[in-house]
Amino acid sequence: MKMSSAVEQSLVVLVMLALQKDQLPIKSYLLSDRLDVSESYLKKTMRKLVVAGIVQAIASKEGGFRLARPISQITLLDVYEAIEGDNSFIHSTQLADRIFLNQESNGRFEDVQQALEVATDDVLSVFNEAEQDFKQRLKNYTISKLLHHINADKFDKIDWRHMPVE
């Protein structure tokens, strides 16, 4: 399994939005400058967060993006699924079937087929359990908890719109 960099970027954007002074919207070009990514790429990522109901897009001269719900109600799973999708990341290509069931089995085809089915089911079960554990852990971790770990309450709110980009 490989996770796209958009998940990490989304988490950073959410922290920025959570720390934004007076919850004022932040324009995409400011976010993309801060993250050092193209604005068009960031807009695609932000669109996914909007569709998932995590971020709100404000269309006006003073608009931009802001959080759509409290950080205590945004989990890592919400972010992961918004960016990567909610489908299973386990996909069998049936390679073992093509390799082992196409061989001459000297009359033992049923034995080979049955053993292969049991082994395949066993392996897929392990991967499915691991995926469920992974998603449950993400579901139990909120942006609020992330901010708590970095002691965000000790920071003054930041107006990212007026911070110089280095």
N, C-alpha and C. Protein backbone atom coordinates (compact mmCIF):
# COMPACT_ATOMS: atom_id res chain seq x y z
N MET A 1 0.85 -1.18 0.00
CA MET A 1 0.00 0.00 0.00
C MET A 1 0.89 1.23 0.00
N LYS A 2 0.54 2.16 -0.86
CA LYS A 2 1.27 3.41 -0.90
C LYS A 2 0.26 4.54 -0.79
N MET A 3 0.54 5.47 0.11
CA MET A 3 -0.37 6.59 0.34
C MET A 3 0.20 7.81 -0.37
N SER A 4 -0.65 8.58 -1.01
CA SER A 4 -0.19 9.75 -1.76
C SER A 4 0.23 10.87 -0.81
N SER A 5 1.08 11.75 -1.32
CA SER A 5 1.53 12.90 -0.53
C SER A 5 0.37 13.85 -0.24
N ALA A 6 -0.71 13.73 -1.00
CA ALA A 6 -1.87 14.60 -0.78
C ALA A 6 -2.51 14.38 0.59
N VAL A 7 -2.36 13.19 1.15
CA VAL A 7 -2.90 12.94 2.50
C VAL A 7 -2.12 13.79 3.52
N GLU A 8 -0.81 13.75 3.44
CA GLU A 8 0.02 14.55 4.36
C GLU A 8 -0.25 16.04 4.15
N GLN A 9 -0.32 16.47 2.91
CA GLN A 9 -0.59 17.88 2.62
C GLN A 9 -1.95 18.29 3.17
N SER A 10 -2.92 17.42 3.05
CA SER A 10 -4.26 17.72 3.58
C SER A 10 -4.23 17.89 5.09
N LEU A 11 -3.47 17.06 5.77
CA LEU A 11 -3.36 17.18 7.22
C LEU A 11 -2.73 18.51 7.61
N VAL A 12 -1.70 18.91 6.89
CA VAL A 12 -1.05 20.19 7.17
C VAL A 12 -2.02 21.34 6.91
N VAL A 13 -2.76 21.28 5.82
CA VAL A 13 -3.76 22.31 5.52
C VAL A 13 -4.80 22.38 6.62
N LEU A 14 -5.26 21.23 7.10
CA LEU A 14 -6.28 21.23 8.16
C LEU A 14 -5.75 21.85 9.44
N VAL A 15 -4.49 21.60 9.76
CA VAL A 15 -3.89 22.23 10.94
C VAL A 15 -3.81 23.74 10.73
N MET A 16 -3.40 24.14 9.52
CA MET A 16 -3.35 25.58 9.23
C MET A 16 -4.73 26.22 9.38
N LEU A 17 -5.75 25.56 8.84
CA LEU A 17 -7.10 26.11 8.94
C LEU A 17 -7.58 26.14 10.38
N ALA A 18 -7.20 25.14 11.16
CA ALA A 18 -7.59 25.09 12.57
C ALA A 18 -6.93 26.21 13.37
N LEU A 19 -5.72 26.58 12.97
CA LEU A 19 -4.98 27.63 13.69
C LEU A 19 -5.26 29.02 13.13
N GLN A 20 -6.04 29.11 12.06
CA GLN A 20 -6.32 30.39 11.41
C GLN A 20 -7.10 31.32 12.34
N LYS A 21 -6.61 32.51 12.46
CA LYS A 21 -7.23 33.53 13.32
C LYS A 21 -8.65 33.81 12.87
N ASP A 22 -9.57 33.79 13.81
CA ASP A 22 -10.99 34.10 13.59
C ASP A 22 -11.65 33.20 12.53
N GLN A 23 -11.07 32.08 12.26
CA GLN A 23 -11.58 31.13 11.26
C GLN A 23 -11.83 31.79 9.90
N LEU A 24 -11.03 32.79 9.59
CA LEU A 24 -11.17 33.47 8.30
C LEU A 24 -10.68 32.53 7.19
N PRO A 25 -11.34 32.56 6.04
CA PRO A 25 -10.93 31.67 4.94
C PRO A 25 -9.54 32.02 4.43
N ILE A 26 -8.85 31.00 3.94
CA ILE A 26 -7.52 31.16 3.37
C ILE A 26 -7.59 30.78 1.89
N LYS A 27 -7.06 31.63 1.05
CA LYS A 27 -7.08 31.39 -0.39
C LYS A 27 -6.13 30.26 -0.78
N SER A 28 -6.49 29.57 -1.85
CA SER A 28 -5.70 28.41 -2.29
C SER A 28 -4.28 28.79 -2.67
N TYR A 29 -4.07 29.97 -3.26
CA TYR A 29 -2.71 30.34 -3.64
C TYR A 29 -1.82 30.53 -2.41
N LEU A 30 -2.40 31.00 -1.30
CA LEU A 30 -1.61 31.13 -0.07
C LEU A 30 -1.25 29.76 0.49
N LEU A 31 -2.22 28.85 0.47
CA LEU A 31 -1.95 27.49 0.95
C LEU A 31 -0.90 26.81 0.07
N SER A 32 -1.04 26.95 -1.24
CA SER A 32 -0.08 26.29 -2.14
C SER A 32 1.32 26.88 -1.99
N ASP A 33 1.40 28.20 -1.77
CA ASP A 33 2.72 28.81 -1.52
C ASP A 33 3.35 28.25 -0.26
N ARG A 34 2.56 28.14 0.80
CA ARG A 34 3.07 27.60 2.07
C ARG A 34 3.54 26.16 1.94
N LEU A 35 2.78 25.36 1.21
CA LEU A 35 3.11 23.94 1.05
C LEU A 35 4.11 23.70 -0.07
N ASP A 36 4.39 24.74 -0.84
CA ASP A 36 5.32 24.64 -1.97
C ASP A 36 4.86 23.58 -2.97
N VAL A 37 3.57 23.64 -3.32
CA VAL A 37 2.99 22.78 -4.36
C VAL A 37 2.24 23.68 -5.33
N SER A 38 1.99 23.16 -6.51
CA SER A 38 1.27 23.98 -7.50
C SER A 38 -0.15 24.23 -7.02
N GLU A 39 -0.65 25.40 -7.37
CA GLU A 39 -2.00 25.75 -6.94
C GLU A 39 -3.03 24.83 -7.59
N SER A 40 -2.81 24.44 -8.84
CA SER A 40 -3.78 23.56 -9.50
C SER A 40 -3.83 22.19 -8.81
N TYR A 41 -2.67 21.69 -8.38
CA TYR A 41 -2.62 20.41 -7.66
C TYR A 41 -3.35 20.54 -6.32
N LEU A 42 -3.07 21.62 -5.61
CA LEU A 42 -3.71 21.82 -4.30
C LEU A 42 -5.22 21.97 -4.44
N LYS A 43 -5.66 22.65 -5.50
CA LYS A 43 -7.11 22.82 -5.70
C LYS A 43 -7.81 21.47 -5.88
N LYS A 44 -7.16 20.54 -6.56
CA LYS A 44 -7.74 19.20 -6.74
C LYS A 44 -7.86 18.50 -5.38
N THR A 45 -6.84 18.64 -4.56
CA THR A 45 -6.86 18.05 -3.23
C THR A 45 -7.94 18.70 -2.37
N MET A 46 -8.01 20.02 -2.42
CA MET A 46 -8.99 20.75 -1.62
C MET A 46 -10.41 20.40 -2.06
N ARG A 47 -10.60 20.18 -3.35
CA ARG A 47 -11.92 19.80 -3.85
C ARG A 47 -12.37 18.49 -3.21
N LYS A 48 -11.45 17.55 -3.06
CA LYS A 48 -11.79 16.28 -2.42
C LYS A 48 -12.19 16.49 -0.96
N LEU A 49 -11.51 17.41 -0.28
CA LEU A 49 -11.84 17.70 1.12
C LEU A 49 -13.19 18.40 1.22
N VAL A 50 -13.51 19.22 0.24
CA VAL A 50 -14.81 19.90 0.21
C VAL A 50 -15.92 18.88 0.00
N VAL A 51 -15.75 18.01 -0.99
CA VAL A 51 -16.75 16.99 -1.29
C VAL A 51 -17.00 16.10 -0.08
N ALA A 52 -15.94 15.82 0.69
CA ALA A 52 -16.06 14.98 1.89
C ALA A 52 -16.67 15.73 3.08
N GLY A 53 -16.90 17.01 2.93
CA GLY A 53 -17.50 17.79 4.02
C GLY A 53 -16.52 18.14 5.13
N ILE A 54 -15.24 18.10 4.83
CA ILE A 54 -14.22 18.41 5.82
C ILE A 54 -13.86 19.89 5.78
N VAL A 55 -13.83 20.43 4.56
CA VAL A 55 -13.46 21.83 4.33
C VAL A 55 -14.60 22.49 3.57
N GLN A 56 -14.75 23.76 3.81
CA GLN A 56 -15.78 24.54 3.13
C GLN A 56 -15.08 25.53 2.19
N ALA A 57 -15.56 25.64 0.96
CA ALA A 57 -15.04 26.62 0.00
C ALA A 57 -15.95 27.84 0.02
N ILE A 58 -15.36 29.00 0.21
CA ILE A 58 -16.11 30.26 0.24
C ILE A 58 -15.77 31.01 -1.05
N ALA A 59 -16.75 31.21 -1.89
CA ALA A 59 -16.54 31.90 -3.16
C ALA A 59 -16.90 33.37 -3.01
N SER A 60 -15.90 34.19 -2.80
CA SER A 60 -16.09 35.64 -2.73
C SER A 60 -14.71 36.28 -2.79
N LYS A 61 -14.68 37.61 -2.85
CA LYS A 61 -13.41 38.33 -2.90
C LYS A 61 -12.55 38.00 -1.67
N GLU A 62 -13.17 37.88 -0.53
CA GLU A 62 -12.45 37.57 0.71
C GLU A 62 -12.52 36.08 1.04
N GLY A 63 -12.95 35.28 0.08
CA GLY A 63 -13.16 33.85 0.31
C GLY A 63 -11.89 33.04 0.33
N GLY A 64 -12.08 31.75 0.26
CA GLY A 64 -11.00 30.79 0.34
C GLY A 64 -11.54 29.51 0.96
N PHE A 65 -10.73 28.90 1.79
CA PHE A 65 -11.13 27.65 2.44
C PHE A 65 -11.10 27.82 3.95
N ARG A 66 -12.04 27.14 4.60
CA ARG A 66 -12.04 27.05 6.07
C ARG A 66 -12.63 25.70 6.44
N LEU A 67 -12.47 25.34 7.70
CA LEU A 67 -12.98 24.06 8.17
C LEU A 67 -14.50 24.04 8.09
N ALA A 68 -15.05 22.90 7.71
CA ALA A 68 -16.50 22.77 7.60
C ALA A 68 -17.12 22.22 8.88
N ARG A 69 -16.29 21.66 9.74
CA ARG A 69 -16.80 21.13 11.01
C ARG A 69 -15.69 21.19 12.05
N PRO A 70 -16.05 21.03 13.32
CA PRO A 70 -15.05 21.11 14.39
C PRO A 70 -13.94 20.06 14.23
N ILE A 71 -12.74 20.41 14.67
CA ILE A 71 -11.60 19.50 14.54
C ILE A 71 -11.77 18.23 15.36
N SER A 72 -12.62 18.27 16.36
CA SER A 72 -12.90 17.07 17.16
C SER A 72 -13.73 16.06 16.37
N GLN A 73 -14.30 16.52 15.25
CA GLN A 73 -15.14 15.64 14.43
C GLN A 73 -14.49 15.29 13.09
N ILE A 74 -13.21 15.59 12.94
CA ILE A 74 -12.48 15.24 11.71
C ILE A 74 -11.41 14.22 12.08
N THR A 75 -11.54 13.02 11.54
CA THR A 75 -10.58 11.96 11.86
C THR A 75 -9.58 11.78 10.72
N LEU A 76 -8.49 11.10 11.03
CA LEU A 76 -7.53 10.76 10.00
C LEU A 76 -8.17 9.88 8.93
N LEU A 77 -9.13 9.05 9.34
CA LEU A 77 -9.83 8.22 8.36
C LEU A 77 -10.64 9.09 7.40
N ASP A 78 -11.28 10.14 7.91
CA ASP A 78 -12.01 11.06 7.04
C ASP A 78 -11.09 11.62 5.97
N VAL A 79 -9.91 12.04 6.38
CA VAL A 79 -8.95 12.65 5.46
C VAL A 79 -8.42 11.60 4.48
N TYR A 80 -8.04 10.45 5.02
CA TYR A 80 -7.51 9.37 4.18
C TYR A 80 -8.53 8.98 3.10
N GLU A 81 -9.77 8.77 3.50
CA GLU A 81 -10.80 8.34 2.55
C GLU A 81 -11.18 9.45 1.58
N ALA A 82 -11.12 10.70 2.02
CA ALA A 82 -11.40 11.82 1.11
C ALA A 82 -10.39 11.85 -0.02
N ILE A 83 -9.14 11.57 0.30
CA ILE A 83 -8.07 11.66 -0.70
C ILE A 83 -7.89 10.34 -1.45
N GLU A 84 -7.83 9.24 -0.74
CA GLU A 84 -7.52 7.95 -1.35
C GLU A 84 -8.75 7.15 -1.77
N GLY A 85 -9.92 7.57 -1.29
CA GLY A 85 -11.14 6.82 -1.57
C GLY A 85 -11.43 5.83 -0.46
N ASP A 86 -12.65 5.35 -0.41
CA ASP A 86 -13.04 4.45 0.68
C ASP A 86 -13.08 2.99 0.25
N ASN A 87 -12.63 2.70 -0.96
CA ASN A 87 -12.57 1.31 -1.41
C ASN A 87 -11.44 0.57 -0.70
N SER A 88 -11.55 -0.72 -0.68
CA SER A 88 -10.50 -1.54 -0.10
C SER A 88 -9.22 -1.39 -0.90
N PHE A 89 -8.09 -1.39 -0.22
CA PHE A 89 -6.82 -1.34 -0.96
C PHE A 89 -6.29 -2.75 -1.23
N ILE A 90 -7.10 -3.76 -0.96
CA ILE A 90 -6.71 -5.15 -1.21
C ILE A 90 -7.39 -5.63 -2.48
N HIS A 91 -6.58 -5.95 -3.47
CA HIS A 91 -7.11 -6.39 -4.75
C HIS A 91 -6.30 -7.59 -5.22
N SER A 92 -6.96 -8.71 -5.38
CA SER A 92 -6.28 -9.92 -5.86
C SER A 92 -6.36 -9.96 -7.38
N THR A 93 -5.25 -10.28 -8.00
CA THR A 93 -5.22 -10.42 -9.46
C THR A 93 -5.42 -11.87 -9.89
N GLN A 94 -5.60 -12.76 -8.92
CA GLN A 94 -5.76 -14.19 -9.19
C GLN A 94 -4.52 -14.79 -9.85
N LEU A 95 -3.36 -14.21 -9.56
CA LEU A 95 -2.11 -14.68 -10.15
C LEU A 95 -1.83 -16.13 -9.77
N ALA A 96 -2.05 -16.48 -8.51
CA ALA A 96 -1.78 -17.86 -8.08
C ALA A 96 -2.62 -18.85 -8.87
N ASP A 97 -3.87 -18.52 -9.13
CA ASP A 97 -4.73 -19.40 -9.93
C ASP A 97 -4.15 -19.60 -11.32
N ARG A 98 -3.72 -18.51 -11.93
CA ARG A 98 -3.19 -18.61 -13.29
C ARG A 98 -1.90 -19.42 -13.33
N ILE A 99 -1.09 -19.31 -12.29
CA ILE A 99 0.19 -20.02 -12.28
C ILE A 99 0.02 -21.48 -11.92
N PHE A 100 -0.66 -21.75 -10.82
CA PHE A 100 -0.70 -23.11 -10.30
C PHE A 100 -1.80 -23.98 -10.88
N LEU A 101 -2.90 -23.38 -11.29
CA LEU A 101 -4.00 -24.19 -11.81
C LEU A 101 -3.87 -24.46 -13.31
N ASN A 102 -2.94 -23.81 -13.96
CA ASN A 102 -2.71 -24.06 -15.38
C ASN A 102 -1.62 -25.11 -15.61
N GLN A 103 -1.05 -25.61 -14.53
CA GLN A 103 -0.01 -26.62 -14.65
C GLN A 103 -0.64 -28.01 -14.67
N GLU A 104 0.03 -28.92 -15.32
CA GLU A 104 -0.45 -30.31 -15.27
C GLU A 104 -0.29 -30.81 -13.85
N SER A 105 -1.35 -31.36 -13.32
CA SER A 105 -1.32 -31.76 -11.91
C SER A 105 -1.32 -33.27 -11.73
N ASN A 106 -1.10 -34.01 -12.81
CA ASN A 106 -1.04 -35.47 -12.73
C ASN A 106 -2.24 -36.05 -11.98
N GLY A 107 -3.45 -35.57 -12.33
CA GLY A 107 -4.66 -36.11 -11.73
C GLY A 107 -4.97 -35.56 -10.36
N ARG A 108 -4.19 -34.63 -9.87
CA ARG A 108 -4.42 -34.08 -8.52
C ARG A 108 -4.98 -32.66 -8.60
N PHE A 109 -5.65 -32.33 -9.69
CA PHE A 109 -6.17 -30.99 -9.90
C PHE A 109 -7.06 -30.52 -8.75
N GLU A 110 -7.96 -31.41 -8.30
CA GLU A 110 -8.88 -31.02 -7.22
C GLU A 110 -8.13 -30.73 -5.93
N ASP A 111 -7.09 -31.53 -5.62
CA ASP A 111 -6.29 -31.29 -4.41
C ASP A 111 -5.57 -29.94 -4.48
N VAL A 112 -4.99 -29.66 -5.63
CA VAL A 112 -4.27 -28.40 -5.81
C VAL A 112 -5.25 -27.23 -5.73
N GLN A 113 -6.38 -27.36 -6.39
CA GLN A 113 -7.39 -26.30 -6.40
C GLN A 113 -7.90 -26.02 -4.99
N GLN A 114 -8.20 -27.08 -4.24
CA GLN A 114 -8.71 -26.91 -2.88
C GLN A 114 -7.66 -26.27 -1.97
N ALA A 115 -6.42 -26.71 -2.06
CA ALA A 115 -5.34 -26.14 -1.24
C ALA A 115 -5.13 -24.66 -1.59
N LEU A 116 -5.18 -24.36 -2.87
CA LEU A 116 -5.00 -22.99 -3.32
C LEU A 116 -6.13 -22.09 -2.82
N GLU A 117 -7.36 -22.57 -2.85
CA GLU A 117 -8.50 -21.79 -2.36
C GLU A 117 -8.36 -21.50 -0.87
N VAL A 118 -7.97 -22.50 -0.09
CA VAL A 118 -7.80 -22.32 1.35
C VAL A 118 -6.69 -21.31 1.63
N ALA A 119 -5.56 -21.46 0.95
CA ALA A 119 -4.43 -20.55 1.16
C ALA A 119 -4.80 -19.13 0.75
N THR A 120 -5.47 -18.98 -0.38
CA THR A 120 -5.87 -17.66 -0.85
C THR A 120 -6.84 -17.01 0.12
N ASP A 121 -7.83 -17.75 0.57
CA ASP A 121 -8.79 -17.22 1.55
C ASP A 121 -8.09 -16.80 2.83
N ASP A 122 -7.13 -17.60 3.26
CA ASP A 122 -6.39 -17.31 4.49
C ASP A 122 -5.59 -16.00 4.35
N VAL A 123 -4.89 -15.87 3.25
CA VAL A 123 -4.07 -14.67 3.03
C VAL A 123 -4.97 -13.43 2.90
N LEU A 124 -6.04 -13.54 2.13
CA LEU A 124 -6.95 -12.40 1.98
C LEU A 124 -7.60 -12.02 3.31
N SER A 125 -7.88 -13.00 4.12
CA SER A 125 -8.44 -12.73 5.45
C SER A 125 -7.46 -11.93 6.31
N VAL A 126 -6.21 -12.31 6.29
CA VAL A 126 -5.19 -11.59 7.07
C VAL A 126 -5.09 -10.14 6.58
N PHE A 127 -5.02 -9.96 5.25
CA PHE A 127 -4.94 -8.61 4.70
C PHE A 127 -6.19 -7.79 5.03
N ASN A 128 -7.37 -8.40 4.95
CA ASN A 128 -8.61 -7.69 5.28
C ASN A 128 -8.64 -7.28 6.75
N GLU A 129 -8.21 -8.16 7.64
CA GLU A 129 -8.15 -7.81 9.06
C GLU A 129 -7.18 -6.66 9.30
N ALA A 130 -6.04 -6.69 8.62
CA ALA A 130 -5.04 -5.62 8.77
C ALA A 130 -5.61 -4.30 8.26
N GLU A 131 -6.34 -4.34 7.15
CA GLU A 131 -6.95 -3.13 6.62
C GLU A 131 -7.98 -2.57 7.61
N GLN A 132 -8.78 -3.44 8.20
CA GLN A 132 -9.77 -2.98 9.17
C GLN A 132 -9.10 -2.38 10.41
N ASP A 133 -8.01 -3.00 10.87
CA ASP A 133 -7.25 -2.44 12.00
C ASP A 133 -6.69 -1.06 11.64
N PHE A 134 -6.13 -0.95 10.45
CA PHE A 134 -5.57 0.31 9.96
C PHE A 134 -6.65 1.41 9.97
N LYS A 135 -7.79 1.10 9.38
CA LYS A 135 -8.85 2.10 9.28
C LYS A 135 -9.44 2.44 10.66
N GLN A 136 -9.51 1.47 11.55
CA GLN A 136 -10.02 1.74 12.89
C GLN A 136 -9.08 2.68 13.65
N ARG A 137 -7.79 2.48 13.48
CA ARG A 137 -6.82 3.36 14.15
C ARG A 137 -6.94 4.78 13.61
N LEU A 138 -7.11 4.92 12.31
CA LEU A 138 -7.28 6.25 11.72
C LEU A 138 -8.58 6.90 12.21
N LYS A 139 -9.60 6.09 12.36
CA LYS A 139 -10.90 6.59 12.81
C LYS A 139 -10.83 7.11 14.25
N ASN A 140 -9.94 6.57 15.05
CA ASN A 140 -9.83 6.94 16.46
C ASN A 140 -8.92 8.14 16.71
N TYR A 141 -8.36 8.70 15.65
CA TYR A 141 -7.41 9.81 15.81
C TYR A 141 -7.97 11.04 15.10
N THR A 142 -8.21 12.09 15.86
CA THR A 142 -8.81 13.31 15.31
C THR A 142 -7.76 14.40 15.11
N ILE A 143 -8.14 15.40 14.34
CA ILE A 143 -7.28 16.58 14.17
C ILE A 143 -7.13 17.29 15.51
N SER A 144 -8.16 17.24 16.33
CA SER A 144 -8.10 17.83 17.66
C SER A 144 -6.97 17.18 18.48
N LYS A 145 -6.89 15.86 18.40
CA LYS A 145 -5.83 15.15 19.13
C LYS A 145 -4.45 15.52 18.58
N LEU A 146 -4.36 15.66 17.29
CA LEU A 146 -3.10 16.07 16.67
C LEU A 146 -2.67 17.44 17.19
N LEU A 147 -3.60 18.37 17.22
CA LEU A 147 -3.29 19.71 17.72
C LEU A 147 -2.95 19.69 19.21
N HIS A 148 -3.59 18.81 19.95
CA HIS A 148 -3.28 18.68 21.37
C HIS A 148 -1.83 18.25 21.57
N HIS A 149 -1.35 17.34 20.73
CA HIS A 149 0.03 16.85 20.84
C HIS A 149 1.07 17.92 20.54
N ILE A 150 0.70 18.90 19.73
CA ILE A 150 1.66 19.97 19.46
C ILE A 150 1.37 21.20 20.33
N ASN A 151 0.53 21.01 21.35
CA ASN A 151 0.19 22.07 22.29
C ASN A 151 -0.34 23.32 21.58
N ALA A 152 -1.26 23.12 20.66
CA ALA A 152 -1.79 24.23 19.86
C ALA A 152 -2.49 25.28 20.71
N ASP A 153 -3.01 24.89 21.89
CA ASP A 153 -3.71 25.88 22.73
C ASP A 153 -2.73 26.93 23.26
N LYS A 154 -1.43 26.63 23.25
CA LYS A 154 -0.44 27.60 23.73
C LYS A 154 -0.07 28.61 22.65
N PHE A 155 -0.48 28.35 21.41
CA PHE A 155 -0.18 29.27 20.32
C PHE A 155 -1.28 30.31 20.20
N ASP A 156 -0.87 31.53 19.83
CA ASP A 156 -1.87 32.49 19.40
C ASP A 156 -2.35 32.04 18.04
N LYS A 157 -3.58 32.37 17.73
CA LYS A 157 -4.08 32.05 16.39
C LYS A 157 -3.24 32.81 15.37
N ILE A 158 -3.09 32.22 14.21
CA ILE A 158 -2.23 32.78 13.16
C ILE A 158 -3.10 33.27 12.02
N ASP A 159 -2.79 34.43 11.49
CA ASP A 159 -3.47 34.88 10.27
C ASP A 159 -2.52 34.58 9.11
N TRP A 160 -2.71 33.41 8.51
CA TRP A 160 -1.84 32.94 7.43
C TRP A 160 -1.89 33.88 6.23
N ARG A 161 -2.96 34.66 6.13
CA ARG A 161 -3.12 35.55 5.00
C ARG A 161 -2.12 36.70 5.04
N HIS A 162 -1.55 36.98 6.21
CA HIS A 162 -0.62 38.10 6.36
C HIS A 162 0.77 37.64 6.81
N MET A 163 1.02 36.36 6.71
CA MET A 163 2.35 35.83 7.07
C MET A 163 3.22 35.77 5.82
N PRO A 164 4.43 36.28 5.89
CA PRO A 164 5.30 36.19 4.70
C PRO A 164 5.71 34.74 4.44
N VAL A 165 5.79 34.39 3.17
CA VAL A 165 6.23 33.05 2.77
C VAL A 165 7.73 33.10 2.59
N GLU A 166 8.42 32.14 3.18
CA GLU A 166 9.90 32.12 3.08
C GLU A 166 10.35 31.45 1.83
